[in-house]
Protein backbone atom coordinates (compact mmCIF):
# COMPACT_ATOMS: atom_id res chain seq x y z
CA MET A 1 0.00 0.00 0.00
CA ASP A 2 2.96 2.29 0.57
CA ASP A 3 3.67 2.14 -3.09
CA TYR A 4 0.12 3.28 -3.87
CA TYR A 5 0.72 6.63 -2.20
CA LYS A 6 3.74 7.07 -4.42
CA SER A 7 1.95 5.90 -7.55
CA GLU A 8 0.70 7.87 -10.48
CA ASP A 9 -2.85 6.66 -9.76
CA PHE A 10 -2.74 8.18 -6.30
CA ALA A 11 -1.36 11.44 -7.71
CA ASN A 12 -4.06 11.52 -10.38
CA ASN A 13 -6.72 10.72 -7.81
CA GLN A 14 -5.46 13.50 -5.52
CA LEU A 15 -5.32 15.85 -8.49
CA TYR A 16 -8.92 14.91 -9.36
CA VAL A 17 -10.07 15.40 -5.76
CA GLY A 18 -8.22 18.73 -5.56
CA ARG A 19 -9.73 19.94 -8.80
CA LYS A 20 -13.17 18.79 -7.71
CA ILE A 21 -12.85 20.56 -4.34
CA GLY A 22 -11.43 23.66 -6.07
CA MET A 23 -14.26 23.68 -8.58
CA GLN A 24 -16.82 23.25 -5.80
CA GLN A 25 -15.30 26.13 -3.88
CA ALA A 26 -15.16 28.28 -7.01
CA ALA A 27 -18.79 27.41 -7.81
CA LYS A 28 -19.86 28.33 -4.26
CA HIS A 29 -17.97 31.63 -4.53
CA ALA A 30 -19.45 32.31 -7.97
CA ASN A 31 -22.95 31.56 -6.64
CA ARG A 32 -22.41 33.97 -3.70
CA VAL A 33 -21.22 36.67 -6.10
CA LEU A 34 -24.12 35.96 -8.46
CA ASP A 35 -26.61 36.08 -5.57
CA SER A 36 -25.13 39.37 -4.42
CA LEU A 37 -25.29 40.85 -7.93
CA THR A 38 -28.85 39.56 -8.37
CA ASP A 39 -29.90 41.13 -5.05
CA GLU A 40 -28.29 44.43 -6.06
CA ALA A 41 -29.94 44.33 -9.49
CA ASN A 42 -33.34 43.54 -7.96
CA GLN A 43 -32.92 46.41 -5.50
CA ARG A 44 -32.13 48.79 -8.36
CA ILE A 45 -35.09 47.50 -10.36
CA ARG A 46 -37.41 48.05 -7.37
CA SER A 47 -35.99 51.56 -6.97
CA LEU A 48 -36.51 52.33 -10.67
CA ASN A 49 -40.05 50.92 -10.54
CA GLU A 50 -40.78 53.12 -7.53
CA THR A 51 -39.38 56.15 -9.35
CA ASN A 52 -41.49 55.28 -12.40
CA THR A 53 -44.60 54.97 -10.26
CA ASN A 54 -43.88 58.29 -8.53
CA GLN A 55 -43.32 60.04 -11.83
CA ALA A 56 -46.48 58.54 -13.32
CA MET A 57 -48.45 59.82 -10.32
CA TYR A 58 -46.80 63.26 -10.69
CA ILE A 59 -47.66 63.36 -14.40
CA LYS A 60 -51.25 62.38 -13.61
CA LYS A 61 -51.49 65.22 -11.06
CA LEU A 62 -50.05 67.67 -13.60
CA GLU A 63 -52.56 66.49 -16.21
CA GLU A 64 -55.40 67.02 -13.70
CA LEU A 65 -54.09 70.52 -12.89
CA LEU A 66 -53.80 71.32 -16.58
CA LYS A 67 -57.34 70.11 -17.18
CA ALA A 68 -58.60 72.29 -14.30
CA LYS A 69 -56.66 75.32 -15.60
CA ASP A 70 -58.01 74.67 -19.09
CA ALA A 71 -61.56 74.65 -17.71
CA GLU A 72 -60.83 77.91 -15.83
CA MET A 73 -59.49 79.47 -19.03
CA HIS A 74 -62.60 78.45 -20.97
CA THR A 75 -64.81 79.87 -18.22
CA ALA A 76 -62.91 83.15 -18.33
CA MET A 77 -63.13 83.19 -22.14
CA VAL A 78 -66.92 82.78 -21.99
CA ALA A 79 -67.22 85.65 -19.52
CA LEU A 80 -64.81 87.77 -21.53
CA SER A 81 -66.74 87.12 -24.76
CA ALA A 82 -70.03 88.07 -23.12
CA THR A 83 -68.48 91.26 -21.74
CA ARG A 84 -66.99 92.14 -25.12
CA ASP A 85 -70.29 91.50 -26.89
CA THR A 86 -72.13 93.69 -24.35
CA ILE A 87 -69.72 96.60 -24.75
CA GLU A 88 -69.73 96.25 -28.55
CA MET A 89 -73.53 96.33 -28.56
CA MET A 90 -73.58 99.41 -26.29
CA ILE A 91 -71.13 101.20 -28.58
CA ASN A 92 -73.01 100.23 -31.75
CA GLU A 93 -76.44 101.14 -30.40
CA THR A 94 -75.33 104.42 -28.81
CA PRO A 95 -72.35 105.71 -30.78
CA SER A 96 -72.25 108.85 -28.64
CA THR A 97 -70.95 106.74 -25.73
CA SER A 98 -68.08 105.19 -27.70
CA GLY A 99 -65.58 107.88 -26.68
CA LEU A 100 -66.51 107.57 -22.99
CA VAL A 101 -66.35 103.76 -23.14
CA ALA A 102 -62.95 103.90 -24.88
CA ARG A 103 -61.54 106.33 -22.26
CA MET A 104 -62.89 104.22 -19.39
CA PHE A 105 -61.53 101.06 -20.97
CA LYS A 106 -58.09 102.58 -21.53
CA SER A 107 -57.98 103.71 -17.90
CA PHE A 108 -58.92 100.30 -16.52
CA TYR A 109 -56.74 98.50 -19.05
CA VAL A 110 -53.66 100.49 -18.04
CA LYS A 111 -54.45 100.07 -14.32
CA HIS A 112 -54.95 96.30 -14.52
CA THR A 113 -52.08 95.74 -16.94
CA ASN A 114 -49.61 97.66 -14.78
CA LYS A 115 -50.72 95.80 -11.65
CA ALA A 116 -50.39 92.42 -13.38
CA LEU A 117 -46.94 93.33 -14.73
CA GLU A 118 -45.77 94.53 -11.28
CA ASN A 119 -47.05 91.34 -9.62
CA GLY A 120 -45.38 89.18 -12.26
CA ASP A 121 -48.73 87.71 -13.28
CA ILE A 122 -48.01 88.56 -16.92
CA LYS A 123 -44.76 89.16 -18.77
CA VAL A 124 -46.05 91.46 -21.48
CA GLU A 125 -48.99 93.79 -22.01
CA PRO A 126 -51.91 91.71 -23.37
CA ILE A 127 -52.23 93.69 -26.60
CA ARG A 128 -48.53 93.02 -27.31
CA SER A 129 -48.87 89.26 -26.73
CA GLY A 130 -48.85 87.19 -29.89
CA ASN A 131 -50.54 84.35 -28.02
CA PHE A 132 -53.45 86.56 -27.01
CA LYS A 133 -54.09 87.50 -30.63
CA GLN A 134 -54.11 83.82 -31.59
CA LEU A 135 -56.22 82.64 -28.64
CA ALA A 136 -58.85 85.38 -28.75
CA PRO A 137 -58.70 87.21 -32.08
CA LYS A 138 -62.09 88.96 -31.71
CA THR A 139 -61.27 90.23 -28.23
CA TYR A 140 -57.80 91.25 -29.37
CA ASP A 141 -59.23 93.26 -32.29
CA PHE A 142 -61.87 94.80 -30.01
CA ILE A 143 -59.27 95.90 -27.43
CA ALA A 144 -56.93 97.22 -30.13
CA ALA A 145 -59.78 99.29 -31.59
CA LEU A 146 -60.68 100.76 -28.17
CA LEU A 147 -57.05 101.61 -27.44
CA ARG A 148 -56.77 103.45 -30.78
CA LYS A 149 -59.77 105.72 -29.99
């Protein structure tokens, strides 16, 4: 038996056992590293999913706010149109009041425009806003005509 421990078979067997143990240890280490990387990846995925959910909720809130502001704008446009139509009718039916209406309008227009500019509510005088002309062309033309009188 002493010769067996010195034999090539014993050396090959020990080499096989050593390789097998080394491979098992390497596999265990690789599995621990893989588990750790998987845990880290899953944590990042959960974090990204949470961020996505939060952003989707934020976008939904912004859409709701925009819808509410849009409804407010349409309400204001209806009231503004009715006011414009009323003043136009008054001017057309009693032309003698057109000068007085124009002066009163200019006075209020300047007062409200200056206040809105000072408060930062608007960036530019309404009559100078290209958007205003596009959004409310009749009202824009009406105001421009009153300011020219």
